[in-house]
Amino acid sequence: MNTPATSPRASSTPPPVDGQLVLADGQVFEGELFGAIVPIATGEVVFNTAMTGYQEVITDPSYAGQIITFTTPHIGNYGINATDFESVGTFCRGVVVRELARRRSNHRAQADLGALLFERGVPGIAGIDTRRLTRVIRDTGAIPGAFGTASEAELLAAARAEPGTDGVDLVRTVTTPVGYTIESLDPQSQRTIVAMDFGMKRNIARSLARYGRVEVVSAGTTAADILARDPDGVFLSNGPGDPAMAPYAVEAISEMLGKVPIFGICLGHQLLGMALGASSIKLPFGHHGANQPVKNLITNRVEIASQNHNFAIDAATLPSSVAMTHVNLNDDVCQGIRTMDAHAFSVQHHPEANPGPHDADYLFQEFADLMDAFASTKKAGA
């Protein structure tokens, strides 16, 4: 998934047409369709509270299977460009906004948001009361929905037939089909990091490359294949959906525990937790945005973090050998774990922060330190 994205074209897009968003519970929201105009688009409707970074959000593979509602009322005002893609494409099912900017005002812009969605086949709907919609999701939880040009009855039937992200292996739909390598940005570093791609964003790979050569492998790669590369560390990336639907990844991680340092984020955090013996749970409406407050239980400092997930590790099921290191201050959900016995740690948030704050960037250095300490211990025991 490291192939450069093609430059977005500033081609003309179809004029907006009237449409409806219908939730599975029967609630209807009227608006104007833009982007790819389709009869019916379905997905699990979630809300994202980031104030900027809509292009990075839309191109984040973690949103596979979901319709993204932006709580910021004005979306598209600074356009889009080829540099800010976080993957080779767009994996979300649709985009919902209050007001779509028809003009862009940024010197980096190469096209507008509507052009991007049209070119990539992603439907969008504007003019929606996103404040009301967000309150619905917050009160009832993430809910299947459908929008498009079809009739209200057809959209309701489609919304009720939409399975959402429960019990679906979405990782297979976003992982890289062929492995690739990113050379180290530090010419002095001799480290080799194997990154398991469950839906990895580009800036994560760039962040890892500051500390060594990064070999990205597909989600289904076995532990034997990874360990045969003799890595200094293994990174477990972000990704979409239900971690219980990726038992192959949990198995591979389990077989690597104690043999190599491991660092996981987002879905990778959940998969590591399951490999260590914990269970996963689905949150009512998840954490989606660049302003989530997280407390580091080791330093007692509060960090603002970028997040996107609907599932989490059930802290009550963590074995005694695993310590919880971070907690979400909004709902007390487990945000980080560490086990010194297995030389592994993980966090629920995105430390690479695209988009978002850089409060958690230190975690990459902690991973580098863990790899170095493990290598020293291994050398001393040889």
Protein backbone atom coordinates (compact mmCIF):
# COMPACT_ATOMS: atom_id res chain seq x y z
CA MET A 1 0.00 0.00 0.00
CA ASN A 2 3.02 2.26 -0.45
CA THR A 3 2.35 3.04 -4.11
CA PRO A 4 2.15 6.83 -4.56
CA ALA A 5 -1.38 8.10 -4.96
CA THR A 6 -2.18 9.70 -8.28
CA SER A 7 -2.71 13.43 -8.23
CA PRO A 8 -6.39 14.26 -7.79
CA ARG A 9 -7.94 15.80 -10.86
CA ALA A 10 -9.83 19.07 -10.69
CA SER A 11 -12.35 17.69 -13.17
CA SER A 12 -15.97 18.73 -13.16
CA THR A 13 -18.27 16.70 -10.95
CA PRO A 14 -22.00 16.05 -11.25
CA PRO A 15 -24.18 18.77 -9.74
CA PRO A 16 -25.66 17.89 -6.35
CA VAL A 17 -29.05 16.20 -6.32
CA ASP A 18 -31.56 15.69 -3.55
CA GLY A 19 -31.12 12.60 -1.42
CA GLN A 20 -31.87 11.08 1.96
CA LEU A 21 -29.94 9.39 4.73
CA VAL A 22 -32.04 6.74 6.47
CA LEU A 23 -30.92 5.01 9.65
CA ALA A 24 -31.83 1.43 10.50
CA ASP A 25 -34.16 2.68 13.24
CA GLY A 26 -36.20 4.61 10.65
CA GLN A 27 -34.93 8.14 11.27
CA VAL A 28 -34.62 10.18 8.08
CA PHE A 29 -32.25 13.07 7.24
CA GLU A 30 -32.68 15.04 4.03
CA GLY A 31 -29.76 16.54 2.12
CA GLU A 32 -27.93 16.95 -1.19
CA LEU A 33 -25.84 14.17 -2.68
CA PHE A 34 -22.33 14.92 -3.97
CA GLY A 35 -19.26 12.98 -4.99
CA ALA A 36 -20.30 9.67 -6.53
CA ILE A 37 -24.08 9.82 -6.96
CA VAL A 38 -25.49 6.33 -6.30
CA PRO A 39 -28.96 4.89 -5.63
CA ILE A 40 -27.93 3.27 -2.35
CA ALA A 41 -24.78 3.43 -0.20
CA THR A 42 -24.76 1.52 3.08
CA GLY A 43 -22.45 1.27 6.07
CA GLU A 44 -22.11 1.68 9.81
CA VAL A 45 -22.64 5.38 10.59
CA VAL A 46 -20.05 6.87 12.97
CA PHE A 47 -19.02 10.43 13.81
CA ASN A 48 -15.56 11.99 13.76
CA THR A 49 -14.77 15.07 15.84
CA ALA A 50 -11.54 16.17 14.12
CA MET A 51 -11.62 19.84 13.13
CA THR A 52 -9.09 19.40 10.31
CA GLY A 53 -7.62 16.53 8.33
CA TYR A 54 -10.72 15.37 6.47
CA GLN A 55 -8.60 14.04 3.58
CA GLU A 56 -6.46 11.95 5.93
CA VAL A 57 -9.59 10.62 7.63
CA ILE A 58 -11.31 9.69 4.37
CA THR A 59 -8.18 7.88 3.12
CA ASP A 60 -7.59 6.03 6.43
CA PRO A 61 -8.19 2.27 5.81
CA SER A 62 -9.50 1.99 9.39
CA TYR A 63 -12.83 3.41 8.16
CA ALA A 64 -13.58 0.44 5.92
CA GLY A 65 -17.25 -0.49 6.25
CA GLN A 66 -18.23 2.87 7.77
CA ILE A 67 -20.03 6.05 6.76
CA ILE A 68 -18.16 9.00 8.28
CA THR A 69 -20.13 11.88 9.78
CA PHE A 70 -17.97 14.96 10.36
CA THR A 71 -19.06 16.99 13.37
CA THR A 72 -17.14 20.06 12.15
CA PRO A 73 -19.82 21.92 10.18
CA HIS A 74 -17.68 23.26 7.32
CA ILE A 75 -15.81 20.55 5.38
CA GLY A 76 -13.72 20.85 2.22
CA ASN A 77 -12.64 24.48 2.60
CA TYR A 78 -8.92 23.87 1.98
CA GLY A 79 -9.35 21.30 -0.79
CA ILE A 80 -7.31 18.15 -1.22
CA ASN A 81 -3.89 17.24 -2.64
CA ALA A 82 -1.85 14.15 -3.54
CA THR A 83 0.58 14.57 -0.64
CA ASP A 84 -1.99 14.14 2.13
CA PHE A 85 -3.30 10.71 1.11
CA GLU A 86 -2.85 8.20 3.95
CA SER A 87 -3.31 5.17 1.67
CA VAL A 88 -3.64 4.29 -1.99
CA GLY A 89 -7.36 4.98 -1.96
CA THR A 90 -10.54 5.51 0.01
CA PHE A 91 -12.08 2.69 1.99
CA CYS A 92 -15.01 4.33 3.78
CA ARG A 93 -18.54 3.68 2.45
CA GLY A 94 -19.57 7.34 2.41
CA VAL A 95 -19.20 10.85 3.84
CA VAL A 96 -21.81 12.97 5.67
CA VAL A 97 -21.29 16.72 6.20
CA ARG A 98 -23.27 19.75 7.33
CA GLU A 99 -21.90 22.18 4.77
CA LEU A 100 -19.67 21.28 1.82
CA ALA A 101 -17.29 24.00 0.67
CA ARG A 102 -17.72 24.62 -3.04
CA ARG A 103 -14.51 26.67 -3.24
CA ARG A 104 -11.08 25.86 -1.87
CA SER A 105 -8.71 28.41 -0.36
CA ASN A 106 -5.28 26.84 0.06
CA HIS A 107 -2.19 27.10 -2.14
CA ARG A 108 -1.57 23.33 -1.77
CA ALA A 109 -5.00 22.37 -3.07
CA GLN A 110 -5.11 20.48 -6.37
CA ALA A 111 -8.82 19.71 -6.39
CA ASP A 112 -11.87 19.92 -4.17
CA LEU A 113 -13.33 17.30 -1.88
CA GLY A 114 -16.25 16.60 -4.20
CA ALA A 115 -13.83 15.85 -7.03
CA LEU A 116 -11.90 13.40 -4.85
CA LEU A 117 -15.03 11.50 -3.86
CA PHE A 118 -16.33 11.49 -7.44
CA GLU A 119 -13.03 10.20 -8.80
CA ARG A 120 -12.74 7.48 -6.13
CA GLY A 121 -16.39 6.40 -6.34
CA VAL A 122 -17.24 7.49 -2.78
CA PRO A 123 -20.76 8.89 -2.23
CA GLY A 124 -21.35 11.90 -0.02
CA ILE A 125 -24.34 13.77 1.33
CA ALA A 126 -24.35 17.41 2.51
CA GLY A 127 -26.89 19.64 4.19
CA ILE A 128 -27.42 17.08 6.96
CA ASP A 129 -28.08 18.23 10.51
CA THR A 130 -24.90 16.56 11.72
CA ARG A 131 -25.41 17.86 15.25
CA ARG A 132 -28.69 15.97 15.50
CA LEU A 133 -27.20 12.90 13.81
CA THR A 134 -24.23 12.87 16.18
CA ARG A 135 -26.54 13.05 19.19
CA VAL A 136 -28.46 10.06 17.82
CA ILE A 137 -25.26 8.03 17.44
CA ARG A 138 -24.02 9.11 20.85
CA ASP A 139 -27.29 8.07 22.50
CA THR A 140 -28.00 4.85 20.59
CA GLY A 141 -24.53 3.79 19.43
CA ALA A 142 -23.07 3.39 15.96
CA ILE A 143 -25.96 2.40 13.71
CA PRO A 144 -26.28 1.04 10.17
CA GLY A 145 -27.55 3.54 7.63
CA ALA A 146 -28.11 4.04 3.92
CA PHE A 147 -28.24 7.10 1.68
CA GLY A 148 -28.67 7.85 -1.99
CA THR A 149 -31.26 8.60 -4.66
CA ALA A 150 -33.45 5.57 -3.90
CA SER A 151 -36.80 5.85 -2.16
CA GLU A 152 -37.08 6.09 1.59
CA ALA A 153 -38.48 2.56 1.77
CA GLU A 154 -35.59 1.16 -0.27
CA LEU A 155 -33.02 2.98 1.82
CA LEU A 156 -34.60 1.77 5.06
CA ALA A 157 -34.54 -1.83 3.83
CA ALA A 158 -30.89 -1.47 2.83
CA ALA A 159 -29.96 0.07 6.19
CA ARG A 160 -31.61 -2.76 8.08
CA ALA A 161 -29.82 -5.33 5.91
CA GLU A 162 -26.39 -3.71 6.51
CA PRO A 163 -24.35 -5.93 8.89
CA GLY A 164 -22.10 -3.13 10.16
CA THR A 165 -18.61 -4.01 11.36
CA ASP A 166 -19.52 -6.80 13.82
CA GLY A 167 -18.42 -10.28 12.81
CA VAL A 168 -16.82 -9.14 9.53
CA ASP A 169 -13.16 -9.52 8.59
CA LEU A 170 -12.45 -6.09 7.10
CA VAL A 171 -8.68 -6.43 7.46
CA ARG A 172 -8.48 -8.70 4.41
CA THR A 173 -10.05 -5.92 2.32
CA VAL A 174 -7.43 -3.28 3.18
CA THR A 175 -4.11 -5.03 3.84
CA THR A 176 -1.35 -4.80 1.26
CA PRO A 177 -1.45 -7.78 -1.11
CA VAL A 178 2.33 -7.63 -1.65
CA GLY A 179 4.98 -6.70 0.89
CA TYR A 180 7.26 -3.72 0.38
CA THR A 181 10.20 -2.01 2.07
CA ILE A 182 10.79 1.55 3.26
CA GLU A 183 14.43 2.39 3.77
CA SER A 184 15.50 3.96 7.04
CA LEU A 185 15.48 7.74 7.29
CA ASP A 186 18.34 7.43 9.78
CA PRO A 187 21.52 6.38 7.95
CA GLN A 188 23.09 5.38 11.28
CA SER A 189 20.35 2.94 12.24
CA GLN A 190 20.89 -0.77 11.70
CA ARG A 191 17.46 -1.78 12.96
CA THR A 192 14.99 -3.77 10.86
CA ILE A 193 11.31 -3.47 11.75
CA VAL A 194 8.63 -5.74 10.32
CA ALA A 195 5.26 -3.99 10.18
CA MET A 196 2.12 -6.12 9.92
CA ASP A 197 -0.29 -4.15 7.75
CA PHE A 198 -3.85 -4.42 9.05
CA GLY A 199 -4.74 -1.15 7.29
CA MET A 200 -1.65 0.92 7.99
CA LYS A 201 -1.55 4.64 7.28
CA ARG A 202 1.40 6.07 5.36
CA ASN A 203 2.57 8.39 8.09
CA ILE A 204 2.93 5.45 10.45
CA ALA A 205 5.40 3.85 8.06
CA ARG A 206 7.25 7.17 7.77
CA SER A 207 7.34 7.49 11.57
CA LEU A 208 8.79 3.98 11.95
CA ALA A 209 11.39 4.68 9.24
CA ARG A 210 12.93 7.31 11.51
CA TYR A 211 14.19 4.40 13.61
CA GLY A 212 15.13 1.77 11.04
CA ARG A 213 14.39 -0.08 7.83
CA VAL A 214 10.70 -1.03 7.63
CA GLU A 215 9.54 -4.22 5.93
CA VAL A 216 5.76 -4.10 5.52
CA VAL A 217 4.00 -7.47 5.24
CA SER A 218 0.38 -8.46 4.71
CA ALA A 219 -1.93 -9.22 7.62
CA GLY A 220 -1.92 -12.96 6.94
CA THR A 221 1.85 -13.37 7.19
CA THR A 222 2.77 -16.16 9.60
CA ALA A 223 4.99 -15.82 12.63
CA ALA A 224 7.54 -18.18 11.06
CA ASP A 225 7.81 -15.99 7.96
CA ILE A 226 8.23 -12.85 10.07
CA LEU A 227 10.80 -14.32 12.45
CA ALA A 228 12.74 -15.71 9.48
CA ARG A 229 13.47 -12.08 8.55
CA ASP A 230 15.32 -11.73 11.88
CA PRO A 231 13.68 -8.40 12.75
CA ASP A 232 14.73 -6.20 15.65
CA GLY A 233 11.06 -5.50 16.32
CA VAL A 234 7.54 -6.16 15.03
CA PHE A 235 4.96 -3.42 14.64
CA LEU A 236 1.20 -4.13 14.63
CA SER A 237 -0.65 -1.45 12.68
CA ASN A 238 -4.03 0.19 12.87
CA GLY A 239 -6.92 -1.27 10.88
CA PRO A 240 -10.69 -1.59 10.63
CA GLY A 241 -13.37 -3.65 12.27
CA ASP A 242 -13.72 -6.49 14.71
CA PRO A 243 -10.44 -7.94 16.06
CA ALA A 244 -12.18 -11.24 16.78
CA MET A 245 -12.48 -11.71 13.02
CA ALA A 246 -8.69 -11.83 12.57
CA PRO A 247 -7.74 -14.99 14.49
CA TYR A 248 -4.89 -15.62 12.06
CA ALA A 249 -3.25 -12.40 13.26
CA VAL A 250 -3.80 -13.26 16.93
CA GLU A 251 -2.18 -16.65 16.32
CA ALA A 252 0.85 -15.11 14.63
CA ILE A 253 1.30 -12.55 17.41
CA SER A 254 0.97 -15.25 20.08
CA GLU A 255 3.77 -17.23 18.47
CA MET A 256 6.07 -14.18 18.40
CA LEU A 257 5.56 -13.10 22.03
CA GLY A 258 8.83 -13.17 23.95
CA LYS A 259 10.87 -13.81 20.81
CA VAL A 260 10.95 -10.25 19.50
CA PRO A 261 9.88 -6.81 20.79
CA ILE A 262 6.33 -5.91 19.72
CA PHE A 263 4.58 -2.53 19.50
CA GLY A 264 0.93 -2.25 18.47
CA ILE A 265 -1.52 0.59 17.88
CA CYS A 266 -5.30 0.72 17.36
CA LEU A 267 -6.39 -2.66 15.93
CA GLY A 268 -2.85 -3.90 16.56
CA HIS A 269 -3.34 -3.01 20.24
CA GLN A 270 -6.53 -5.05 20.38
CA LEU A 271 -4.92 -8.03 18.62
CA LEU A 272 -1.94 -7.94 21.00
CA GLY A 273 -4.31 -7.85 23.96
CA MET A 274 -6.14 -10.90 22.65
CA ALA A 275 -2.85 -12.70 22.03
CA LEU A 276 -1.98 -12.04 25.69
CA GLY A 277 -5.28 -13.57 26.85
CA ALA A 278 -7.67 -10.60 27.06
CA SER A 279 -11.04 -10.24 25.35
CA SER A 280 -12.30 -7.51 23.05
CA ILE A 281 -15.55 -5.55 23.37
CA LYS A 282 -17.47 -3.26 21.05
CA LEU A 283 -17.94 0.29 22.28
CA PRO A 284 -21.31 2.05 21.90
CA PHE A 285 -20.06 4.64 19.41
CA GLY A 286 -16.29 4.25 19.60
CA HIS A 287 -13.58 6.88 19.61
CA HIS A 288 -13.21 8.80 16.36
CA GLY A 289 -11.35 12.10 16.29
CA ALA A 290 -8.14 13.98 16.98
CA ASN A 291 -9.04 15.27 20.44
CA GLN A 292 -9.41 12.25 22.71
CA PRO A 293 -8.05 12.78 26.27
CA VAL A 294 -5.83 9.94 27.43
CA LYS A 295 -4.10 9.58 30.81
CA ASN A 296 -0.69 7.95 30.89
CA LEU A 297 -0.87 5.93 34.12
CA ILE A 298 2.93 5.68 34.33
CA THR A 299 3.69 9.41 34.12
CA ASN A 300 0.28 10.69 35.30
CA ARG A 301 0.28 13.08 32.36
CA VAL A 302 -2.74 13.71 30.15
CA GLU A 303 -2.21 13.41 26.41
CA ILE A 304 -4.55 14.47 23.61
CA ALA A 305 -4.69 11.68 21.07
CA SER A 306 -5.93 10.86 17.59
CA GLN A 307 -8.14 7.77 17.48
CA ASN A 308 -10.44 5.75 15.25
CA HIS A 309 -11.92 2.51 16.53
CA ASN A 310 -15.21 0.93 17.56
CA PHE A 311 -13.69 -1.96 19.50
CA ALA A 312 -11.44 -2.05 22.58
CA ILE A 313 -9.74 -4.39 25.02
CA ASP A 314 -11.84 -5.34 28.04
CA ALA A 315 -9.59 -4.25 30.91
CA ALA A 316 -11.30 -6.66 33.29
CA THR A 317 -9.98 -9.60 31.26
CA LEU A 318 -6.31 -8.58 31.25
CA PRO A 319 -4.13 -11.29 32.84
CA SER A 320 -2.06 -10.36 35.90
CA SER A 321 1.14 -10.29 33.85
CA VAL A 322 -0.21 -7.42 31.73
CA ALA A 323 -0.40 -3.87 33.09
CA MET A 324 -2.75 -1.18 31.80
CA THR A 325 -0.65 1.88 30.96
CA HIS A 326 -3.18 4.34 29.49
CA VAL A 327 -6.88 5.06 30.04
CA ASN A 328 -9.39 7.16 28.10
CA LEU A 329 -10.62 9.95 30.37
CA ASN A 330 -13.99 10.19 28.62
CA ASP A 331 -15.15 6.65 29.41
CA ASP A 332 -12.32 4.86 31.29
CA VAL A 333 -11.68 2.50 28.36
CA CYS A 334 -8.31 0.75 28.28
CA GLN A 335 -5.98 2.77 26.03
CA GLY A 336 -2.67 1.01 26.53
CA ILE A 337 -1.03 -2.16 27.88
CA ARG A 338 2.46 -3.43 28.55
CA THR A 339 4.01 -6.75 29.50
CA MET A 340 7.70 -6.83 30.31
CA ASP A 341 7.73 -10.64 30.31
CA ALA A 342 7.01 -10.67 26.58
CA HIS A 343 8.72 -7.38 25.64
CA ALA A 344 5.49 -6.01 24.19
CA PHE A 345 3.35 -2.90 24.56
CA SER A 346 0.54 -1.19 22.69
CA VAL A 347 -1.82 1.78 22.70
CA GLN A 348 -5.29 2.31 21.32
CA HIS A 349 -4.47 5.71 19.82
CA HIS A 350 -2.50 6.79 16.73
CA PRO A 351 0.87 8.26 17.79
CA GLU A 352 1.74 9.29 14.23
CA ALA A 353 -1.08 11.88 14.39
CA ASN A 354 -2.24 12.28 10.81
CA PRO A 355 -4.42 14.13 11.49
CA GLY A 356 -4.05 15.14 15.10
CA PRO A 357 -1.71 16.18 17.92
CA HIS A 358 1.81 14.83 18.48
CA ASP A 359 1.53 14.19 22.22
CA ALA A 360 2.09 10.44 21.78
CA ASP A 361 4.98 10.59 19.31
CA TYR A 362 7.35 9.51 22.10
CA LEU A 363 6.01 5.98 21.79
CA PHE A 364 8.09 5.37 18.67
CA GLN A 365 11.23 6.21 20.64
CA GLU A 366 10.08 3.84 23.41
CA PHE A 367 9.79 1.12 20.78
CA ALA A 368 13.32 1.88 19.58
CA ASP A 369 14.60 1.74 23.16
CA LEU A 370 12.84 -1.59 23.72
CA MET A 371 14.40 -3.03 20.57
CA ASP A 372 17.86 -1.88 21.64
CA ALA A 373 17.46 -3.27 25.17
CA PHE A 374 16.24 -6.61 23.80
CA ALA A 375 19.16 -6.78 21.37
CA SER A 376 21.65 -6.07 24.17
CA THR A 377 20.16 -8.76 26.38
CA LYS A 378 20.15 -11.23 23.52
CA LYS A 379 23.78 -10.45 22.69
CA ALA A 380 24.84 -10.78 26.32
CA GLY A 381 23.19 -14.18 26.58
CA ALA A 382 24.66 -15.48 23.33
